[in-house]
Amino acid sequence: MVRKLAAQGVSHPDVLRAMGEVERHRFVDTALVNQAYEDTSLPIGLGQTISKPNVVARMLELLLHGRSVPLGRVLEIGTGCGYQAAVLSRLCVEVYSIERLRGLHDKARLLLSPLRVPNLHLLFGDGMQGFAPGAPYAGIIAAAGGDDVPQAWTDQLAVGGRLVAPAHLGQGVQSLVVIDRTATGLQRTVLEPVQFVPLKSGVG
């Protein structure tokens, strides 16, 4: 999988290392284990998916671009099965990961438990609100996209921090968005079209 990612243009050595260290097959259903290392998204239950390895790597490269590793404290919106959180834990000093669906939160906790990741905190709650007690964050990364990036997220971003998230920005197209908080405000960059599950409020 790592060789494929490198061939597809992923070049950040720390991202490739971290993705090589986390066994993706641990985070997919038994019936899908033979597809675990293919570049495809897979269902994880409750209408959610585990993102394609290439998409995970792309977002992590954007998060880390031009910055030293390990990154400081990072917030992940949408734990899902816990795969990306496990990769993040190898790239950041501390990771807070929040999930709004109780079934997935419990599943991620079960799957991550054998890995004993001391710098990863799993939270159950409404990700649209972010997680203010852990703020400010050096990075925020989201696995679901809404009509725009919630203000709660940008409010919780540290100066010098970066947010990477999908968002619908008109014409029904979902795009990858990078927001940097500088000393003078927010700088937004819109990148390529992507397809992520919808961002929803509340818990379930």
N, C-alpha and C. Protein backbone atom coordinates (compact mmCIF):
# COMPACT_ATOMS: atom_id res chain seq x y z
N MET A 1 0.83 -1.20 0.00
CA MET A 1 0.00 0.00 0.00
C MET A 1 0.86 1.25 0.00
N VAL A 2 1.92 1.25 0.83
CA VAL A 2 2.79 2.41 0.92
C VAL A 2 3.51 2.64 -0.41
N ARG A 3 3.93 1.55 -1.05
CA ARG A 3 4.58 1.68 -2.37
C ARG A 3 3.62 2.29 -3.39
N LYS A 4 2.36 1.87 -3.34
CA LYS A 4 1.34 2.42 -4.25
C LYS A 4 1.14 3.91 -3.98
N LEU A 5 1.08 4.28 -2.70
CA LEU A 5 0.89 5.68 -2.35
C LEU A 5 2.05 6.53 -2.88
N ALA A 6 3.27 6.01 -2.73
CA ALA A 6 4.44 6.74 -3.22
C ALA A 6 4.37 6.87 -4.75
N ALA A 7 3.93 5.81 -5.42
CA ALA A 7 3.80 5.85 -6.88
C ALA A 7 2.72 6.83 -7.32
N GLN A 8 1.72 7.05 -6.46
CA GLN A 8 0.63 7.99 -6.77
C GLN A 8 1.01 9.44 -6.46
N GLY A 9 2.20 9.63 -5.92
CA GLY A 9 2.66 11.00 -5.69
C GLY A 9 2.76 11.43 -4.25
N VAL A 10 2.39 10.55 -3.31
CA VAL A 10 2.55 10.89 -1.89
C VAL A 10 4.05 10.85 -1.58
N SER A 11 4.59 11.96 -1.10
CA SER A 11 6.05 12.04 -0.94
C SER A 11 6.50 12.36 0.48
N HIS A 12 5.58 12.77 1.36
CA HIS A 12 6.00 13.15 2.72
C HIS A 12 6.48 11.91 3.46
N PRO A 13 7.76 11.86 3.85
CA PRO A 13 8.30 10.63 4.46
C PRO A 13 7.60 10.24 5.75
N ASP A 14 7.19 11.22 6.56
CA ASP A 14 6.53 10.89 7.83
C ASP A 14 5.13 10.32 7.60
N VAL A 15 4.42 10.82 6.59
CA VAL A 15 3.10 10.29 6.26
C VAL A 15 3.24 8.85 5.78
N LEU A 16 4.18 8.59 4.89
CA LEU A 16 4.39 7.23 4.38
C LEU A 16 4.80 6.29 5.51
N ARG A 17 5.66 6.77 6.40
CA ARG A 17 6.09 5.95 7.54
C ARG A 17 4.90 5.59 8.43
N ALA A 18 4.10 6.60 8.80
CA ALA A 18 2.97 6.38 9.70
C ALA A 18 1.94 5.43 9.08
N MET A 19 1.69 5.59 7.80
CA MET A 19 0.71 4.71 7.15
C MET A 19 1.24 3.30 7.00
N GLY A 20 2.55 3.17 6.95
CA GLY A 20 3.15 1.84 6.94
C GLY A 20 3.10 1.16 8.30
N GLU A 21 3.06 1.97 9.35
CA GLU A 21 3.07 1.42 10.71
C GLU A 21 1.69 0.97 11.18
N VAL A 22 0.63 1.57 10.64
CA VAL A 22 -0.74 1.24 11.09
C VAL A 22 -1.35 0.23 10.13
N GLU A 23 -1.72 -0.92 10.66
CA GLU A 23 -2.28 -2.00 9.83
C GLU A 23 -3.76 -1.73 9.54
N ARG A 24 -4.05 -1.39 8.28
CA ARG A 24 -5.42 -0.99 7.92
C ARG A 24 -6.42 -2.14 8.08
N HIS A 25 -5.95 -3.38 7.92
CA HIS A 25 -6.88 -4.51 8.00
C HIS A 25 -7.50 -4.66 9.39
N ARG A 26 -6.86 -4.08 10.41
CA ARG A 26 -7.42 -4.13 11.76
C ARG A 26 -8.71 -3.33 11.88
N PHE A 27 -8.93 -2.41 10.93
CA PHE A 27 -10.02 -1.45 11.06
C PHE A 27 -11.17 -1.70 10.08
N VAL A 28 -11.13 -2.82 9.34
CA VAL A 28 -12.22 -3.14 8.44
C VAL A 28 -12.87 -4.45 8.87
N ASP A 29 -14.10 -4.66 8.42
CA ASP A 29 -14.81 -5.89 8.78
C ASP A 29 -14.09 -7.11 8.21
N THR A 30 -14.22 -8.22 8.89
CA THR A 30 -13.53 -9.45 8.50
C THR A 30 -13.77 -9.81 7.04
N ALA A 31 -15.00 -9.62 6.57
CA ALA A 31 -15.34 -9.98 5.19
C ALA A 31 -14.62 -9.12 4.15
N LEU A 32 -14.09 -7.97 4.60
CA LEU A 32 -13.44 -7.04 3.66
C LEU A 32 -11.93 -6.99 3.83
N VAL A 33 -11.38 -7.88 4.65
CA VAL A 33 -9.95 -7.84 4.96
C VAL A 33 -9.10 -7.95 3.68
N ASN A 34 -9.55 -8.74 2.71
CA ASN A 34 -8.75 -8.90 1.49
C ASN A 34 -8.70 -7.63 0.65
N GLN A 35 -9.56 -6.64 0.98
CA GLN A 35 -9.53 -5.36 0.26
C GLN A 35 -8.90 -4.24 1.09
N ALA A 36 -8.39 -4.59 2.26
CA ALA A 36 -7.95 -3.57 3.21
C ALA A 36 -6.84 -2.67 2.67
N TYR A 37 -5.99 -3.22 1.81
CA TYR A 37 -4.84 -2.43 1.34
C TYR A 37 -5.02 -1.94 -0.10
N GLU A 38 -6.24 -2.07 -0.62
CA GLU A 38 -6.54 -1.50 -1.92
C GLU A 38 -6.88 -0.02 -1.75
N ASP A 39 -6.72 0.76 -2.81
CA ASP A 39 -7.00 2.19 -2.72
C ASP A 39 -8.49 2.43 -2.96
N THR A 40 -9.26 2.02 -1.98
CA THR A 40 -10.71 2.16 -2.09
C THR A 40 -11.30 2.44 -0.72
N SER A 41 -12.43 3.17 -0.69
CA SER A 41 -13.14 3.36 0.57
C SER A 41 -13.98 2.12 0.84
N LEU A 42 -14.18 1.80 2.10
CA LEU A 42 -14.91 0.59 2.48
C LEU A 42 -15.94 0.93 3.55
N PRO A 43 -17.10 0.24 3.53
CA PRO A 43 -18.13 0.51 4.54
C PRO A 43 -17.68 0.05 5.92
N ILE A 44 -18.02 0.85 6.94
CA ILE A 44 -17.68 0.48 8.32
C ILE A 44 -18.93 0.41 9.20
N GLY A 45 -20.11 0.50 8.56
CA GLY A 45 -21.36 0.44 9.31
C GLY A 45 -21.96 1.82 9.53
N LEU A 46 -23.27 1.82 9.81
CA LEU A 46 -24.01 3.05 10.11
C LEU A 46 -23.91 4.09 8.98
N GLY A 47 -23.78 3.59 7.75
CA GLY A 47 -23.74 4.47 6.59
C GLY A 47 -22.44 5.22 6.41
N GLN A 48 -21.40 4.84 7.16
CA GLN A 48 -20.12 5.53 7.09
C GLN A 48 -19.08 4.67 6.39
N THR A 49 -17.95 5.29 6.02
CA THR A 49 -16.89 4.57 5.32
C THR A 49 -15.53 4.90 5.91
N ILE A 50 -14.58 4.00 5.66
CA ILE A 50 -13.17 4.29 5.92
C ILE A 50 -12.63 4.85 4.61
N SER A 51 -11.98 6.00 4.67
CA SER A 51 -11.53 6.69 3.46
C SER A 51 -10.45 5.89 2.73
N LYS A 52 -10.35 6.15 1.43
CA LYS A 52 -9.28 5.55 0.63
C LYS A 52 -7.93 5.94 1.21
N PRO A 53 -6.96 5.03 1.22
CA PRO A 53 -5.62 5.37 1.73
C PRO A 53 -5.04 6.61 1.06
N ASN A 54 -5.27 6.78 -0.23
CA ASN A 54 -4.72 7.93 -0.94
C ASN A 54 -5.32 9.25 -0.43
N VAL A 55 -6.60 9.22 -0.08
CA VAL A 55 -7.26 10.42 0.44
C VAL A 55 -6.74 10.75 1.84
N VAL A 56 -6.58 9.72 2.68
CA VAL A 56 -6.02 9.92 4.02
C VAL A 56 -4.62 10.52 3.91
N ALA A 57 -3.80 9.95 3.04
CA ALA A 57 -2.43 10.44 2.88
C ALA A 57 -2.41 11.87 2.35
N ARG A 58 -3.28 12.18 1.40
CA ARG A 58 -3.34 13.52 0.84
C ARG A 58 -3.68 14.55 1.91
N MET A 59 -4.69 14.25 2.74
CA MET A 59 -5.10 15.19 3.78
C MET A 59 -4.01 15.35 4.85
N LEU A 60 -3.33 14.27 5.17
CA LEU A 60 -2.26 14.35 6.16
C LEU A 60 -1.07 15.15 5.62
N GLU A 61 -0.77 14.97 4.34
CA GLU A 61 0.30 15.76 3.72
C GLU A 61 -0.03 17.25 3.77
N LEU A 62 -1.28 17.58 3.48
CA LEU A 62 -1.71 18.98 3.54
C LEU A 62 -1.59 19.52 4.96
N LEU A 63 -1.98 18.70 5.93
CA LEU A 63 -1.94 19.13 7.33
C LEU A 63 -0.50 19.42 7.78
N LEU A 64 0.44 18.60 7.29
CA LEU A 64 1.82 18.68 7.74
C LEU A 64 2.70 19.58 6.88
N HIS A 65 2.21 19.98 5.73
CA HIS A 65 3.04 20.68 4.74
C HIS A 65 3.80 21.87 5.35
N GLY A 66 5.12 21.82 5.22
CA GLY A 66 5.95 22.91 5.69
C GLY A 66 6.07 23.03 7.20
N ARG A 67 5.65 21.99 7.93
CA ARG A 67 5.66 22.06 9.38
C ARG A 67 6.44 20.89 9.95
N SER A 68 6.97 21.09 11.14
CA SER A 68 7.80 20.03 11.73
C SER A 68 6.93 18.94 12.35
N VAL A 69 7.47 17.73 12.36
CA VAL A 69 6.80 16.57 12.94
C VAL A 69 7.60 16.13 14.17
N PRO A 70 6.94 15.82 15.29
CA PRO A 70 5.49 15.74 15.44
C PRO A 70 4.82 17.11 15.54
N LEU A 71 3.63 17.17 14.92
CA LEU A 71 2.79 18.35 15.05
C LEU A 71 2.28 18.39 16.49
N GLY A 72 1.82 19.56 16.94
CA GLY A 72 1.33 19.68 18.32
C GLY A 72 0.02 18.95 18.55
N ARG A 73 -0.95 19.62 19.14
CA ARG A 73 -2.25 19.03 19.44
C ARG A 73 -3.16 19.15 18.22
N VAL A 74 -3.81 18.04 17.86
CA VAL A 74 -4.66 18.01 16.66
C VAL A 74 -6.05 17.48 17.02
N LEU A 75 -7.06 18.06 16.38
CA LEU A 75 -8.45 17.61 16.54
C LEU A 75 -8.91 16.94 15.26
N GLU A 76 -9.43 15.72 15.39
CA GLU A 76 -10.02 15.01 14.25
C GLU A 76 -11.54 15.00 14.41
N ILE A 77 -12.25 15.45 13.39
CA ILE A 77 -13.71 15.43 13.40
C ILE A 77 -14.16 14.19 12.63
N GLY A 78 -14.78 13.24 13.33
CA GLY A 78 -15.25 12.01 12.70
C GLY A 78 -14.26 10.88 12.88
N THR A 79 -14.29 10.23 14.03
CA THR A 79 -13.36 9.13 14.32
C THR A 79 -13.58 7.96 13.38
N GLY A 80 -14.86 7.69 13.06
CA GLY A 80 -15.17 6.51 12.25
C GLY A 80 -14.70 5.25 12.95
N CYS A 81 -13.94 4.42 12.23
CA CYS A 81 -13.44 3.17 12.81
C CYS A 81 -12.13 3.37 13.57
N GLY A 82 -11.56 4.58 13.49
CA GLY A 82 -10.35 4.87 14.25
C GLY A 82 -9.05 4.77 13.47
N TYR A 83 -9.13 4.42 12.18
CA TYR A 83 -7.90 4.22 11.39
C TYR A 83 -7.08 5.51 11.26
N GLN A 84 -7.72 6.58 10.79
CA GLN A 84 -6.98 7.83 10.60
C GLN A 84 -6.46 8.37 11.93
N ALA A 85 -7.24 8.18 12.99
CA ALA A 85 -6.79 8.62 14.32
C ALA A 85 -5.51 7.91 14.72
N ALA A 86 -5.42 6.62 14.41
CA ALA A 86 -4.21 5.85 14.72
C ALA A 86 -3.02 6.37 13.94
N VAL A 87 -3.23 6.71 12.68
CA VAL A 87 -2.14 7.27 11.86
C VAL A 87 -1.73 8.63 12.40
N LEU A 88 -2.72 9.47 12.72
CA LEU A 88 -2.44 10.80 13.27
C LEU A 88 -1.61 10.72 14.55
N SER A 89 -1.89 9.71 15.37
CA SER A 89 -1.20 9.59 16.66
C SER A 89 0.30 9.40 16.47
N ARG A 90 0.71 8.96 15.29
CA ARG A 90 2.13 8.77 14.99
C ARG A 90 2.77 10.01 14.38
N LEU A 91 1.94 11.04 14.16
CA LEU A 91 2.43 12.26 13.52
C LEU A 91 2.28 13.49 14.42
N CYS A 92 1.55 13.33 15.53
CA CYS A 92 1.21 14.48 16.38
C CYS A 92 1.56 14.19 17.84
N VAL A 93 1.77 15.25 18.59
CA VAL A 93 2.05 15.10 20.02
C VAL A 93 0.82 14.56 20.75
N GLU A 94 -0.36 15.07 20.36
CA GLU A 94 -1.61 14.69 21.03
C GLU A 94 -2.76 14.79 20.04
N VAL A 95 -3.66 13.80 20.07
CA VAL A 95 -4.80 13.77 19.16
C VAL A 95 -6.10 13.65 19.94
N TYR A 96 -7.02 14.57 19.68
CA TYR A 96 -8.40 14.45 20.16
C TYR A 96 -9.24 14.07 18.95
N SER A 97 -10.00 12.99 19.05
CA SER A 97 -10.82 12.53 17.93
C SER A 97 -12.26 12.39 18.41
N ILE A 98 -13.18 13.08 17.73
CA ILE A 98 -14.57 13.11 18.19
C ILE A 98 -15.49 12.44 17.17
N GLU A 99 -16.44 11.64 17.66
CA GLU A 99 -17.38 10.91 16.81
C GLU A 99 -18.80 11.11 17.35
N ARG A 100 -19.76 11.39 16.46
CA ARG A 100 -21.13 11.67 16.87
C ARG A 100 -22.01 10.41 16.94
N LEU A 101 -21.57 9.31 16.34
CA LEU A 101 -22.36 8.08 16.34
C LEU A 101 -21.82 7.13 17.41
N ARG A 102 -22.64 6.84 18.40
CA ARG A 102 -22.20 6.02 19.53
C ARG A 102 -21.66 4.66 19.07
N GLY A 103 -22.32 4.05 18.09
CA GLY A 103 -21.88 2.74 17.60
C GLY A 103 -20.47 2.77 17.05
N LEU A 104 -20.12 3.82 16.31
CA LEU A 104 -18.77 3.94 15.75
C LEU A 104 -17.76 4.33 16.82
N HIS A 105 -18.15 5.19 17.73
CA HIS A 105 -17.26 5.57 18.84
C HIS A 105 -16.85 4.32 19.62
N ASP A 106 -17.83 3.47 19.95
CA ASP A 106 -17.55 2.25 20.71
C ASP A 106 -16.69 1.29 19.89
N LYS A 107 -16.97 1.21 18.58
CA LYS A 107 -16.21 0.33 17.70
C LYS A 107 -14.75 0.78 17.63
N ALA A 108 -14.53 2.08 17.46
CA ALA A 108 -13.17 2.61 17.39
C ALA A 108 -12.41 2.34 18.68
N ARG A 109 -13.09 2.53 19.80
CA ARG A 109 -12.45 2.28 21.11
C ARG A 109 -12.01 0.82 21.22
N LEU A 110 -12.86 -0.08 20.74
CA LEU A 110 -12.56 -1.52 20.78
C LEU A 110 -11.37 -1.85 19.87
N LEU A 111 -11.37 -1.28 18.65
CA LEU A 111 -10.32 -1.58 17.68
C LEU A 111 -8.98 -0.97 18.07
N LEU A 112 -9.02 0.19 18.72
CA LEU A 112 -7.78 0.87 19.09
C LEU A 112 -7.19 0.38 20.40
N SER A 113 -8.02 -0.24 21.22
CA SER A 113 -7.57 -0.67 22.55
C SER A 113 -6.31 -1.54 22.52
N PRO A 114 -6.22 -2.54 21.62
CA PRO A 114 -5.01 -3.39 21.62
C PRO A 114 -3.75 -2.63 21.23
N LEU A 115 -3.90 -1.49 20.53
CA LEU A 115 -2.73 -0.74 20.07
C LEU A 115 -2.12 0.13 21.17
N ARG A 116 -2.89 0.36 22.24
CA ARG A 116 -2.40 1.13 23.40
C ARG A 116 -1.73 2.43 22.94
N VAL A 117 -2.57 3.36 22.48
CA VAL A 117 -2.06 4.63 21.96
C VAL A 117 -2.24 5.70 23.04
N PRO A 118 -1.18 6.05 23.78
CA PRO A 118 -1.34 6.92 24.95
C PRO A 118 -1.68 8.38 24.62
N ASN A 119 -1.35 8.82 23.41
CA ASN A 119 -1.56 10.24 23.07
C ASN A 119 -2.84 10.48 22.29
N LEU A 120 -3.73 9.47 22.26
CA LEU A 120 -4.99 9.57 21.51
C LEU A 120 -6.17 9.55 22.48
N HIS A 121 -7.03 10.58 22.37
CA HIS A 121 -8.20 10.70 23.23
C HIS A 121 -9.46 10.58 22.36
N LEU A 122 -10.26 9.57 22.60
CA LEU A 122 -11.50 9.36 21.85
C LEU A 122 -12.66 10.02 22.58
N LEU A 123 -13.41 10.85 21.86
CA LEU A 123 -14.52 11.60 22.45
C LEU A 123 -15.82 11.26 21.74
N PHE A 124 -16.91 11.19 22.50
CA PHE A 124 -18.24 11.02 21.91
C PHE A 124 -18.97 12.35 22.01
N GLY A 125 -19.38 12.90 20.87
CA GLY A 125 -20.07 14.18 20.89
C GLY A 125 -20.29 14.74 19.50
N ASP A 126 -20.83 15.94 19.45
CA ASP A 126 -21.16 16.62 18.20
C ASP A 126 -19.91 17.30 17.64
N GLY A 127 -19.35 16.71 16.59
CA GLY A 127 -18.12 17.24 16.01
C GLY A 127 -18.26 18.62 15.42
N MET A 128 -19.47 19.02 15.06
CA MET A 128 -19.65 20.35 14.49
C MET A 128 -19.29 21.44 15.49
N GLN A 129 -19.32 21.10 16.77
CA GLN A 129 -18.95 22.06 17.81
C GLN A 129 -17.45 22.03 18.12
N GLY A 130 -16.73 21.12 17.45
CA GLY A 130 -15.32 20.96 17.77
C GLY A 130 -15.16 20.41 19.18
N PHE A 131 -14.07 20.74 19.84
CA PHE A 131 -13.87 20.35 21.24
C PHE A 131 -13.06 21.45 21.92
N ALA A 132 -13.79 22.43 22.44
CA ALA A 132 -13.17 23.63 23.00
C ALA A 132 -12.18 23.35 24.13
N PRO A 133 -12.45 22.36 25.02
CA PRO A 133 -11.51 22.15 26.13
C PRO A 133 -10.09 21.81 25.69
N GLY A 134 -9.93 21.28 24.49
CA GLY A 134 -8.59 20.93 24.00
C GLY A 134 -7.94 22.03 23.19
N ALA A 135 -8.69 23.08 22.87
CA ALA A 135 -8.19 24.15 22.00
C ALA A 135 -7.17 25.02 22.74
N PRO A 136 -6.31 25.74 22.01
CA PRO A 136 -6.25 25.83 20.55
C PRO A 136 -5.47 24.67 19.93
N TYR A 137 -5.80 24.35 18.68
CA TYR A 137 -5.19 23.22 17.99
C TYR A 137 -4.19 23.66 16.92
N ALA A 138 -3.11 22.91 16.82
CA ALA A 138 -2.15 23.13 15.74
C ALA A 138 -2.71 22.65 14.41
N GLY A 139 -3.65 21.72 14.48
CA GLY A 139 -4.28 21.20 13.27
C GLY A 139 -5.66 20.67 13.56
N ILE A 140 -6.56 20.80 12.59
CA ILE A 140 -7.90 20.21 12.65
C ILE A 140 -8.13 19.52 11.32
N ILE A 141 -8.62 18.29 11.37
CA ILE A 141 -8.85 17.52 10.14
C ILE A 141 -10.23 16.88 10.25
N ALA A 142 -11.02 16.96 9.18
CA ALA A 142 -12.40 16.46 9.21
C ALA A 142 -12.62 15.37 8.17
N ALA A 143 -13.42 14.38 8.54
CA ALA A 143 -13.73 13.26 7.66
C ALA A 143 -15.16 13.33 7.14
N ALA A 144 -15.78 14.52 7.21
CA ALA A 144 -17.14 14.72 6.70
C ALA A 144 -17.25 16.18 6.25
N GLY A 145 -18.11 16.42 5.27
CA GLY A 145 -18.20 17.76 4.71
C GLY A 145 -19.60 18.35 4.76
N GLY A 146 -19.70 19.61 5.17
CA GLY A 146 -20.97 20.32 5.21
C GLY A 146 -21.00 21.43 4.17
N ASP A 147 -21.96 22.35 4.33
CA ASP A 147 -22.08 23.45 3.39
C ASP A 147 -20.92 24.41 3.51
N ASP A 148 -20.32 24.50 4.65
CA ASP A 148 -19.12 25.30 4.84
C ASP A 148 -18.41 24.78 6.08
N VAL A 149 -17.23 25.30 6.33
CA VAL A 149 -16.48 24.90 7.52
C VAL A 149 -17.08 25.62 8.73
N PRO A 150 -17.52 24.87 9.77
CA PRO A 150 -18.13 25.52 10.94
C PRO A 150 -17.19 26.51 11.61
N GLN A 151 -17.75 27.63 12.05
CA GLN A 151 -16.94 28.66 12.70
C GLN A 151 -16.30 28.14 13.99
N ALA A 152 -16.98 27.20 14.66
CA ALA A 152 -16.42 26.64 15.89
C ALA A 152 -15.04 26.04 15.64
N TRP A 153 -14.85 25.47 14.45
CA TRP A 153 -13.55 24.86 14.14
C TRP A 153 -12.48 25.93 13.98
N THR A 154 -12.78 26.95 13.18
CA THR A 154 -11.76 27.99 12.95
C THR A 154 -11.48 28.76 14.24
N ASP A 155 -12.50 28.91 15.09
CA ASP A 155 -12.30 29.58 16.38
C ASP A 155 -11.32 28.81 17.27
N GLN A 156 -11.27 27.48 17.08
CA GLN A 156 -10.43 26.63 17.94
C GLN A 156 -9.04 26.37 17.35
N LEU A 157 -8.76 27.01 16.22
CA LEU A 157 -7.48 26.85 15.55
C LEU A 157 -6.47 27.85 16.12
N ALA A 158 -5.28 27.36 16.46
CA ALA A 158 -4.23 28.24 16.99
C ALA A 158 -3.67 29.12 15.88
N VAL A 159 -3.09 30.23 16.24
CA VAL A 159 -2.34 31.04 15.26
C VAL A 159 -1.18 30.17 14.76
N GLY A 160 -1.07 30.07 13.45
CA GLY A 160 -0.09 29.16 12.86
C GLY A 160 -0.67 27.78 12.60
N GLY A 161 -1.93 27.56 13.04
CA GLY A 161 -2.59 26.27 12.86
C GLY A 161 -3.21 26.14 11.49
N ARG A 162 -3.48 24.90 11.11
CA ARG A 162 -4.06 24.61 9.79
C ARG A 162 -5.22 23.64 9.91
N LEU A 163 -6.26 23.91 9.15
CA LEU A 163 -7.46 23.07 9.10
C LEU A 163 -7.58 22.47 7.71
N VAL A 164 -7.87 21.18 7.61
CA VAL A 164 -8.08 20.50 6.34
C VAL A 164 -9.43 19.79 6.41
N ALA A 165 -10.35 20.15 5.51
CA ALA A 165 -11.70 19.58 5.56
C ALA A 165 -12.37 19.66 4.20
N PRO A 166 -13.30 18.73 3.93
CA PRO A 166 -14.13 18.87 2.74
C PRO A 166 -15.28 19.82 3.04
N ALA A 167 -15.75 20.54 2.02
CA ALA A 167 -16.90 21.44 2.19
C ALA A 167 -17.57 21.68 0.85
N HIS A 168 -18.90 21.87 0.89
CA HIS A 168 -19.66 22.23 -0.31
C HIS A 168 -19.59 23.75 -0.46
N LEU A 169 -19.02 24.19 -1.55
CA LEU A 169 -18.84 25.62 -1.75
C LEU A 169 -19.56 26.12 -2.99
N GLY A 170 -20.78 25.63 -3.20
CA GLY A 170 -21.57 26.06 -4.36
C GLY A 170 -21.58 25.03 -5.47
N GLN A 171 -22.60 25.11 -6.33
CA GLN A 171 -22.79 24.20 -7.46
C GLN A 171 -22.85 22.73 -7.05
N GLY A 172 -23.11 22.48 -5.77
CA GLY A 172 -23.25 21.11 -5.30
C GLY A 172 -21.95 20.32 -5.31
N VAL A 173 -20.83 20.99 -5.51
CA VAL A 173 -19.53 20.32 -5.57
C VAL A 173 -18.85 20.39 -4.21
N GLN A 174 -18.38 19.24 -3.75
CA GLN A 174 -17.64 19.20 -2.50
C GLN A 174 -16.15 19.29 -2.82
N SER A 175 -15.46 20.19 -2.17
CA SER A 175 -14.03 20.38 -2.44
C SER A 175 -13.24 20.28 -1.15
N LEU A 176 -11.97 19.98 -1.31
CA LEU A 176 -11.07 19.97 -0.17
C LEU A 176 -10.64 21.40 0.11
N VAL A 177 -10.74 21.80 1.36
CA VAL A 177 -10.44 23.18 1.75
C VAL A 177 -9.34 23.18 2.82
N VAL A 178 -8.37 24.07 2.65
CA VAL A 178 -7.34 24.27 3.66
C VAL A 178 -7.49 25.69 4.21
N ILE A 179 -7.55 25.81 5.53
CA ILE A 179 -7.64 27.13 6.17
C ILE A 179 -6.46 27.28 7.13
N ASP A 180 -5.68 28.32 6.92
CA ASP A 180 -4.56 28.64 7.81
C ASP A 180 -4.94 29.85 8.66
N ARG A 181 -4.69 29.76 9.96
CA ARG A 181 -4.88 30.93 10.82
C ARG A 181 -3.54 31.64 10.98
N THR A 182 -3.50 32.87 10.50
CA THR A 182 -2.29 33.69 10.62
C THR A 182 -2.51 34.74 11.70
N ALA A 183 -1.51 35.51 11.97
CA ALA A 183 -1.62 36.57 12.98
C ALA A 183 -2.63 37.63 12.56
N THR A 184 -2.92 37.69 11.27
CA THR A 184 -3.85 38.73 10.77
C THR A 184 -5.22 38.18 10.39
N GLY A 185 -5.45 36.87 10.53
CA GLY A 185 -6.76 36.32 10.19
C GLY A 185 -6.67 34.95 9.54
N LEU A 186 -7.72 34.61 8.77
CA LEU A 186 -7.82 33.29 8.15
C LEU A 186 -7.50 33.37 6.66
N GLN A 187 -6.74 32.40 6.19
CA GLN A 187 -6.42 32.29 4.77
C GLN A 187 -6.96 30.97 4.25
N ARG A 188 -7.85 31.05 3.25
CA ARG A 188 -8.54 29.86 2.76
C ARG A 188 -8.05 29.50 1.36
N THR A 189 -7.78 28.20 1.15
CA THR A 189 -7.38 27.70 -0.16
C THR A 189 -8.32 26.56 -0.54
N VAL A 190 -8.92 26.65 -1.71
CA VAL A 190 -9.83 25.60 -2.19
C VAL A 190 -9.08 24.73 -3.19
N LEU A 191 -9.11 23.42 -2.94
CA LEU A 191 -8.36 22.47 -3.77
C LEU A 191 -9.32 21.59 -4.57
N GLU A 192 -8.93 20.35 -4.80
CA GLU A 192 -9.65 19.48 -5.74
C GLU A 192 -11.00 19.00 -5.21
N PRO A 193 -11.91 18.62 -6.13
CA PRO A 193 -13.19 18.03 -5.71
C PRO A 193 -12.96 16.70 -4.98
N VAL A 194 -13.79 16.44 -3.97
CA VAL A 194 -13.69 15.19 -3.20
C VAL A 194 -15.10 14.69 -2.90
N GLN A 195 -15.20 13.48 -2.39
CA GLN A 195 -16.50 12.93 -1.99
C GLN A 195 -16.38 12.34 -0.59
N PHE A 196 -16.94 13.04 0.38
CA PHE A 196 -16.97 12.56 1.76
C PHE A 196 -18.42 12.47 2.22
N VAL A 197 -18.65 11.70 3.28
CA VAL A 197 -19.99 11.60 3.84
C VAL A 197 -20.41 12.98 4.38
N PRO A 198 -21.73 13.24 4.46
CA PRO A 198 -22.19 14.55 4.92
C PRO A 198 -21.87 14.83 6.39
N LEU A 199 -21.51 16.06 6.67
CA LEU A 199 -21.31 16.51 8.04
C LEU A 199 -22.67 16.75 8.68
N LYS A 200 -22.90 16.15 9.84
CA LYS A 200 -24.20 16.29 10.52
C LYS A 200 -23.98 16.73 11.95
N SER A 201 -25.00 17.43 12.48
CA SER A 201 -24.93 17.87 13.87
C SER A 201 -25.65 16.89 14.77
N GLY A 202 -25.44 17.06 16.07
CA GLY A 202 -26.12 16.16 17.03
C GLY A 202 -25.37 14.85 17.18
N VAL A 203 -25.91 14.00 18.03
CA VAL A 203 -25.32 12.69 18.26
C VAL A 203 -26.36 11.61 17.98
N GLY A 204 -25.90 10.40 17.71
CA GLY A 204 -26.82 9.33 17.37
C GLY A 204 -26.31 7.97 17.82
